[in-house]
């Protein structure tokens, strides 16, 4: 009897149904995790609705969605990395550097807005590519490699900008990417639509492409994936580069929202983005996660931040509560893996 190994599992003539059952079980667990995260979001939303009548207004809900854009975009990208079992601490300052580069391209170099946006997004991909090369080829642990990139990006953002903001005053089309509205008569920011479009693309890539299958496979069992003949290093580099594209996009969105590229921002965004991924059900050990879950996790963080401000909770206690939520999410994932 011949046996063939694939990224999805080991298949033979008598056990072809086993991987399908395993895949179905994994899909069911993912759906359950999404439902639990969504139920948590609803409970939190209802709690703040009861605590304050100003919470569920149309303007405040729009504000919540708007505040989710940057964290959500970063989180969607880093979902790929965490599913492989890696981590990316550079996405916050990397986003800032991409925002600065967008200012350099559009304001300083005078490029058209579409080319400037494309340049900033691709620059984010370059940062991700470097992270991938450091982790996959040089075998530097992802935590250290991306921590180093975080510091490099933070410094370069200050150097390139001269430690001064770059304003997009003469580029109203750039500002419209985030704060404009393509829906006539409706004050609904374009940035939210950009996040949704980016999330759809990411979900398709994860669920329908070879890159997505190998992303899950590497996170589930990197050694078995390599033994099956897959070039794990190449695909890990690709994963980090793809995540970098989302970092670049986040840089565009935050600078378009602020109307300027602020070189001193970015620190701390990576923690909230990673928290959104974990809260949404992606396992820190790899092999499991969904884009939908990540979006729900990002919304939970935004709702918490917004609701706590509305009911008057001090900033220091907001951080304590968010930290407790992250600990609970990680503990839940640990328990789930033990009982799986």
Protein backbone atom coordinates (compact mmCIF):
# COMPACT_ATOMS: atom_id res chain seq x y z
CA UNK A 1 0.00 0.00 0.00
CA UNK A 2 1.45 3.40 -0.96
CA UNK A 3 1.34 6.42 1.31
CA UNK A 4 1.45 10.04 0.20
CA UNK A 5 2.06 12.94 2.52
CA UNK A 6 0.54 16.34 1.88
CA UNK A 7 0.32 19.59 3.85
CA UNK A 8 -3.20 18.67 4.84
CA UNK A 9 -2.21 15.38 6.37
CA UNK A 10 -1.22 11.82 5.54
CA UNK A 11 -3.43 10.00 3.11
CA UNK A 12 -3.48 6.40 2.03
CA UNK A 13 -5.74 4.11 0.18
CA UNK A 14 -7.73 3.08 3.24
CA UNK A 15 -7.89 6.37 5.11
CA UNK A 16 -8.74 9.04 2.59
CA UNK A 17 -11.70 10.18 4.63
CA UNK A 18 -9.65 10.87 7.75
CA UNK A 19 -8.17 14.18 6.58
CA UNK A 20 -11.55 15.31 5.39
CA UNK A 21 -13.01 14.54 8.81
CA UNK A 22 -10.09 16.36 10.46
CA UNK A 23 -10.55 19.33 8.16
CA UNK A 24 -14.27 19.41 8.86
CA UNK A 25 -13.61 19.27 12.60
CA UNK A 26 -11.10 22.12 12.35
CA UNK A 27 -13.57 24.18 10.32
CA UNK A 28 -16.25 23.51 12.92
CA UNK A 29 -13.92 24.62 15.71
CA UNK A 30 -13.10 27.80 13.79
CA UNK A 31 -16.80 28.54 13.33
CA UNK A 32 -17.43 27.94 17.02
CA UNK A 33 -14.59 30.28 17.96
CA UNK A 34 -15.98 32.96 15.64
CA UNK A 35 -19.43 32.57 17.18
CA UNK A 36 -18.02 32.83 20.70
CA UNK A 37 -16.05 35.96 19.76
CA UNK A 38 -19.11 37.48 18.08
CA UNK A 39 -21.26 36.64 21.11
CA UNK A 40 -18.67 38.37 23.33
CA UNK A 41 -18.83 41.43 21.07
CA UNK A 42 -22.62 41.55 21.37
CA UNK A 43 -22.50 41.19 25.17
CA UNK A 44 -19.93 43.99 25.48
CA UNK A 45 -21.93 46.21 23.14
CA UNK A 46 -25.15 45.63 25.10
CA UNK A 47 -23.36 46.33 28.38
CA UNK A 48 -22.20 49.76 27.24
CA UNK A 49 -25.61 50.43 25.63
CA UNK A 50 -27.22 49.86 29.02
CA UNK A 51 -24.60 51.92 30.83
CA UNK A 52 -24.88 54.95 28.52
CA UNK A 53 -27.61 56.07 26.11
CA UNK A 54 -24.98 57.90 24.05
CA UNK A 55 -23.15 54.71 23.17
CA UNK A 56 -25.44 53.27 20.49
CA UNK A 57 -25.96 56.47 18.52
CA UNK A 58 -25.27 56.40 14.79
CA UNK A 59 -22.39 58.84 15.09
CA UNK A 60 -20.73 56.83 17.87
CA UNK A 61 -21.10 53.51 16.05
CA UNK A 62 -19.53 55.13 12.98
CA UNK A 63 -16.75 56.41 15.23
CA UNK A 64 -16.17 52.87 16.54
CA UNK A 65 -15.92 51.51 13.01
CA UNK A 66 -13.58 54.33 12.03
CA UNK A 67 -11.33 53.68 15.02
CA UNK A 68 -11.18 50.00 14.08
CA UNK A 69 -9.68 50.68 10.65
CA UNK A 70 -5.98 51.03 11.49
CA UNK A 71 -5.85 48.30 14.15
CA UNK A 72 -8.00 46.05 11.96
CA UNK A 73 -5.78 46.50 8.90
CA UNK A 74 -2.64 45.73 10.90
CA UNK A 75 -4.35 42.78 12.56
CA UNK A 76 -5.51 41.26 9.27
CA UNK A 77 -1.94 41.30 7.99
CA UNK A 78 -0.38 39.89 11.14
CA UNK A 79 -2.96 37.09 11.17
CA UNK A 80 -0.97 35.46 8.37
CA UNK A 81 2.23 35.63 10.42
CA UNK A 82 0.72 34.32 13.64
CA UNK A 83 -0.97 31.41 11.84
CA UNK A 84 2.52 30.29 10.77
CA UNK A 85 3.55 30.34 14.43
CA UNK A 86 5.49 33.60 14.07
CA UNK A 87 5.07 37.09 15.45
CA UNK A 88 5.61 40.60 14.09
CA UNK A 89 6.39 43.37 16.55
CA UNK A 90 7.38 45.84 13.82
CA UNK A 91 3.95 46.56 12.38
CA UNK A 92 3.31 49.67 14.51
CA UNK A 93 6.48 51.59 13.72
CA UNK A 94 6.56 50.01 10.27
CA UNK A 95 3.16 51.59 9.66
CA UNK A 96 4.57 54.95 10.73
CA UNK A 97 7.54 54.61 8.38
CA UNK A 98 5.19 53.74 5.51
CA UNK A 99 3.09 56.82 6.33
CA UNK A 100 6.26 58.94 6.19
CA UNK A 101 7.24 57.36 2.88
CA UNK A 102 3.80 58.18 1.54
CA UNK A 103 4.48 61.80 2.45
CA UNK A 104 7.88 61.64 0.78
CA UNK A 105 6.39 60.22 -2.41
CA UNK A 106 3.38 62.52 -2.66
CA UNK A 107 4.43 65.77 -0.96
CA UNK A 108 8.20 65.87 -1.44
CA UNK A 109 8.55 64.02 -4.77
CA UNK A 110 5.24 65.29 -6.17
CA UNK A 111 4.03 61.90 -7.36
CA UNK A 112 0.31 61.45 -8.16
CA UNK A 113 -1.70 60.17 -5.22
CA UNK A 114 -2.28 56.67 -6.68
CA UNK A 115 1.45 56.17 -7.29
CA UNK A 116 2.28 57.51 -3.84
CA UNK A 117 -0.18 55.13 -2.22
CA UNK A 118 1.17 52.22 -4.24
CA UNK A 119 4.72 53.16 -3.26
CA UNK A 120 3.84 53.26 0.45
CA UNK A 121 2.06 49.89 0.33
CA UNK A 122 4.95 48.29 -1.56
CA UNK A 123 7.41 49.79 0.91
CA UNK A 124 5.48 48.00 3.65
CA UNK A 125 5.89 44.81 1.63
CA UNK A 126 9.63 45.46 1.54
CA UNK A 127 9.76 45.75 5.33
CA UNK A 128 7.87 42.47 5.59
CA UNK A 129 10.23 40.88 3.07
CA UNK A 130 13.22 41.83 5.23
CA UNK A 131 11.49 40.33 8.27
CA UNK A 132 10.86 37.15 6.32
CA UNK A 133 14.47 36.90 5.15
CA UNK A 134 15.74 37.40 8.69
CA UNK A 135 13.48 34.73 10.15
CA UNK A 136 13.46 32.16 7.35
CA UNK A 137 16.99 32.41 5.93
CA UNK A 138 19.05 33.74 8.83
CA UNK A 139 17.01 31.71 11.35
CA UNK A 140 16.66 34.66 13.71
CA UNK A 141 13.71 34.09 16.08
CA UNK A 142 10.72 36.14 14.86
CA UNK A 143 10.44 37.96 18.18
CA UNK A 144 14.02 39.25 17.93
CA UNK A 145 14.00 39.87 14.17
CA UNK A 146 10.82 41.94 14.26
CA UNK A 147 11.82 43.70 17.48
CA UNK A 148 14.96 44.86 15.69
CA UNK A 149 12.88 45.97 12.70
CA UNK A 150 10.57 47.85 15.06
CA UNK A 151 13.51 49.92 16.30
CA UNK A 152 14.94 50.37 12.79
CA UNK A 153 11.59 51.57 11.42
CA UNK A 154 11.09 53.90 14.36
CA UNK A 155 14.49 55.49 13.77
CA UNK A 156 14.14 55.68 9.99
CA UNK A 157 10.75 57.41 10.28
CA UNK A 158 12.43 60.19 12.28
CA UNK A 159 15.47 60.36 9.99
CA UNK A 160 13.56 60.44 6.70
CA UNK A 161 11.05 63.03 7.94
CA UNK A 162 13.63 65.15 9.74
CA UNK A 163 11.62 64.52 12.95
CA UNK A 164 8.85 66.76 11.59
CA UNK A 165 5.34 65.92 10.38
CA UNK A 166 4.68 65.85 6.64
CA UNK A 167 1.35 67.49 5.84
CA UNK A 168 -0.93 66.56 2.93
CA UNK A 169 -2.56 69.97 2.75
CA UNK A 170 -2.29 70.18 -1.02
CA UNK A 171 -3.46 66.60 -1.61
CA UNK A 172 -7.19 66.49 -0.78
CA UNK A 173 -7.58 63.34 -2.84
CA UNK A 174 -5.23 61.58 -0.44
CA UNK A 175 -7.29 62.64 2.58
CA UNK A 176 -10.43 61.30 0.91
CA UNK A 177 -8.98 57.77 1.04
CA UNK A 178 -9.74 57.79 4.75
CA UNK A 179 -12.13 60.58 5.69
CA UNK A 180 -14.03 60.99 2.42
CA UNK A 181 -17.27 59.22 1.56
CA UNK A 182 -18.19 57.63 -1.74
CA UNK A 183 -21.78 57.16 -0.59
CA UNK A 184 -23.73 60.31 -1.54
CA UNK A 185 -25.47 61.96 1.40
CA UNK A 186 -24.08 59.50 3.93
CA UNK A 187 -21.30 60.39 6.35
CA UNK A 188 -19.60 57.01 6.23
CA UNK A 189 -15.79 57.11 5.95
CA UNK A 190 -14.09 55.42 3.02
CA UNK A 191 -11.49 53.94 5.36
CA UNK A 192 -14.03 51.45 6.69
CA UNK A 193 -14.78 50.28 3.15
CA UNK A 194 -11.04 49.95 2.48
CA UNK A 195 -10.67 47.75 5.57
CA UNK A 196 -13.57 45.56 4.47
CA UNK A 197 -12.13 45.20 0.97
CA UNK A 198 -8.69 44.33 2.39
CA UNK A 199 -10.26 41.78 4.73
CA UNK A 200 -12.14 40.12 1.87
CA UNK A 201 -8.92 39.83 -0.13
CA UNK A 202 -7.09 38.40 2.89
CA UNK A 203 -9.87 35.89 3.58
CA UNK A 204 -9.82 34.70 -0.03
CA UNK A 205 -6.05 34.32 0.06
CA UNK A 206 -6.15 32.35 3.31
CA UNK A 207 -9.08 30.16 2.33
CA UNK A 208 -8.74 29.70 -1.43
CA UNK A 209 -5.09 29.87 -2.46
CA UNK A 210 -1.92 27.84 -2.20
CA UNK A 211 -0.40 30.54 0.02
CA UNK A 212 -3.27 30.14 2.47
CA UNK A 213 -2.98 26.35 2.58
CA UNK A 214 0.74 26.50 3.17
CA UNK A 215 0.31 29.21 5.81
CA UNK A 216 -1.88 26.89 7.85
CA UNK A 217 0.32 23.90 7.10
CA UNK A 218 3.51 25.61 8.29
CA UNK A 219 1.82 26.68 11.50
CA UNK A 220 0.34 23.24 12.13
CA UNK A 221 3.56 21.28 11.56
CA UNK A 222 6.49 23.03 9.92
CA UNK A 223 8.70 19.95 9.90
CA UNK A 224 6.09 17.75 8.24
CA UNK A 225 5.41 20.49 5.69
CA UNK A 226 9.10 20.63 4.80
CA UNK A 227 9.34 16.83 4.57
CA UNK A 228 6.45 16.84 2.09
CA UNK A 229 8.67 18.72 -0.37
CA UNK A 230 7.41 22.26 0.23
CA UNK A 231 9.98 25.07 0.37
CA UNK A 232 9.00 26.32 3.81
CA UNK A 233 11.53 29.16 3.80
CA UNK A 234 10.18 30.63 0.59
CA UNK A 235 6.59 30.54 1.79
CA UNK A 236 7.45 32.04 5.18
CA UNK A 237 9.21 34.90 3.42
CA UNK A 238 6.11 35.36 1.27
CA UNK A 239 3.85 35.39 4.32
CA UNK A 240 5.86 38.14 6.00
CA UNK A 241 5.95 40.14 2.77
CA UNK A 242 2.16 39.88 2.39
CA UNK A 243 1.71 40.98 6.00
CA UNK A 244 3.97 43.94 5.22
CA UNK A 245 1.62 45.05 2.45
CA UNK A 246 -1.12 45.46 5.03
CA UNK A 247 1.28 47.42 7.22
CA UNK A 248 1.86 49.77 4.28
CA UNK A 249 -1.88 50.10 3.73
CA UNK A 250 -2.38 50.94 7.41
CA UNK A 251 0.26 53.65 7.04
CA UNK A 252 -1.71 55.18 4.19
CA UNK A 253 -4.98 55.03 6.12
CA UNK A 254 -3.66 56.58 9.32
CA UNK A 255 -1.82 59.41 7.55
CA UNK A 256 -4.85 60.11 5.34
CA UNK A 257 -7.00 60.24 8.46
CA UNK A 258 -4.66 62.61 10.32
CA UNK A 259 -3.89 64.68 7.24
CA UNK A 260 -0.21 64.25 7.99
CA UNK A 261 2.52 61.67 8.47
CA UNK A 262 3.52 61.87 12.13
CA UNK A 263 6.96 60.26 12.57
CA UNK A 264 6.65 59.92 16.33
CA UNK A 265 3.57 57.69 16.35
CA UNK A 266 3.17 53.95 15.93
CA UNK A 267 4.48 52.47 19.17
CA UNK A 268 1.77 50.41 20.85
CA UNK A 269 -0.27 49.72 17.74
CA UNK A 270 1.41 46.36 17.31
CA UNK A 271 0.22 45.22 20.73
CA UNK A 272 -3.39 46.10 20.02
CA UNK A 273 -3.22 44.45 16.60
CA UNK A 274 -1.78 41.24 18.04
CA UNK A 275 -4.39 41.39 20.79
CA UNK A 276 -7.15 41.62 18.16
CA UNK A 277 -5.77 38.55 16.38
CA UNK A 278 -5.63 36.53 19.62
CA UNK A 279 -9.04 37.66 20.84
CA UNK A 280 -10.43 36.67 17.45
CA UNK A 281 -9.33 33.07 17.96
CA UNK A 282 -6.00 32.80 16.16
CA UNK A 283 -3.68 30.53 18.13
CA UNK A 284 -0.29 31.93 19.10
CA UNK A 285 1.17 28.47 18.52
CA UNK A 286 0.08 28.61 14.86
CA UNK A 287 -2.05 26.55 12.53
CA UNK A 288 -5.38 28.12 13.42
CA UNK A 289 -7.10 31.41 12.76
CA UNK A 290 -9.47 33.32 10.49
CA UNK A 291 -9.74 36.84 9.11
CA UNK A 292 -13.35 37.09 10.27
CA UNK A 293 -12.29 36.26 13.81
CA UNK A 294 -9.56 38.89 13.64
CA UNK A 295 -12.05 41.57 12.53
CA UNK A 296 -14.32 40.63 15.42
CA UNK A 297 -11.34 40.87 17.77
CA UNK A 298 -10.49 44.34 16.43
CA UNK A 299 -14.09 45.43 16.93
CA UNK A 300 -14.06 44.13 20.50
CA UNK A 301 -11.00 46.26 21.27
CA UNK A 302 -12.57 49.34 19.64
CA UNK A 303 -15.87 48.85 21.46
CA UNK A 304 -14.04 48.42 24.76
CA UNK A 305 -11.91 51.51 24.25
CA UNK A 306 -14.87 53.61 23.13
CA UNK A 307 -17.29 52.35 25.76
CA UNK A 308 -14.87 52.77 28.64
CA UNK A 309 -14.25 56.38 27.61
CA UNK A 310 -17.98 57.11 27.37
CA UNK A 311 -18.74 55.75 30.85
CA UNK A 312 -15.79 57.69 32.28
CA UNK A 313 -13.27 54.97 33.09
CA UNK A 314 -9.76 56.48 33.54
CA UNK A 315 -7.14 55.66 30.90
CA UNK A 316 -5.00 53.63 33.28
CA UNK A 317 -7.92 51.35 34.12
CA UNK A 318 -8.74 51.00 30.43
CA UNK A 319 -5.29 49.48 29.94
CA UNK A 320 -5.84 47.14 32.88
CA UNK A 321 -9.17 45.93 31.49
CA UNK A 322 -7.76 45.44 27.97
CA UNK A 323 -4.83 43.49 29.42
CA UNK A 324 -7.22 41.27 31.36
CA UNK A 325 -9.23 40.59 28.20
CA UNK A 326 -6.05 39.57 26.35
CA UNK A 327 -5.02 37.24 29.18
CA UNK A 328 -8.46 35.66 29.13
CA UNK A 329 -8.29 35.13 25.37
CA UNK A 330 -4.85 33.49 25.57
CA UNK A 331 -5.91 31.31 28.51
CA UNK A 332 -9.02 30.21 26.63
CA UNK A 333 -6.88 29.24 23.65
CA UNK A 334 -4.52 27.28 25.93
CA UNK A 335 -7.39 25.37 27.51
CA UNK A 336 -8.93 24.65 24.12
CA UNK A 337 -5.64 23.20 22.82
CA UNK A 338 -5.26 21.01 25.90
CA UNK A 339 -8.72 19.53 25.47
CA UNK A 340 -8.57 19.19 21.65
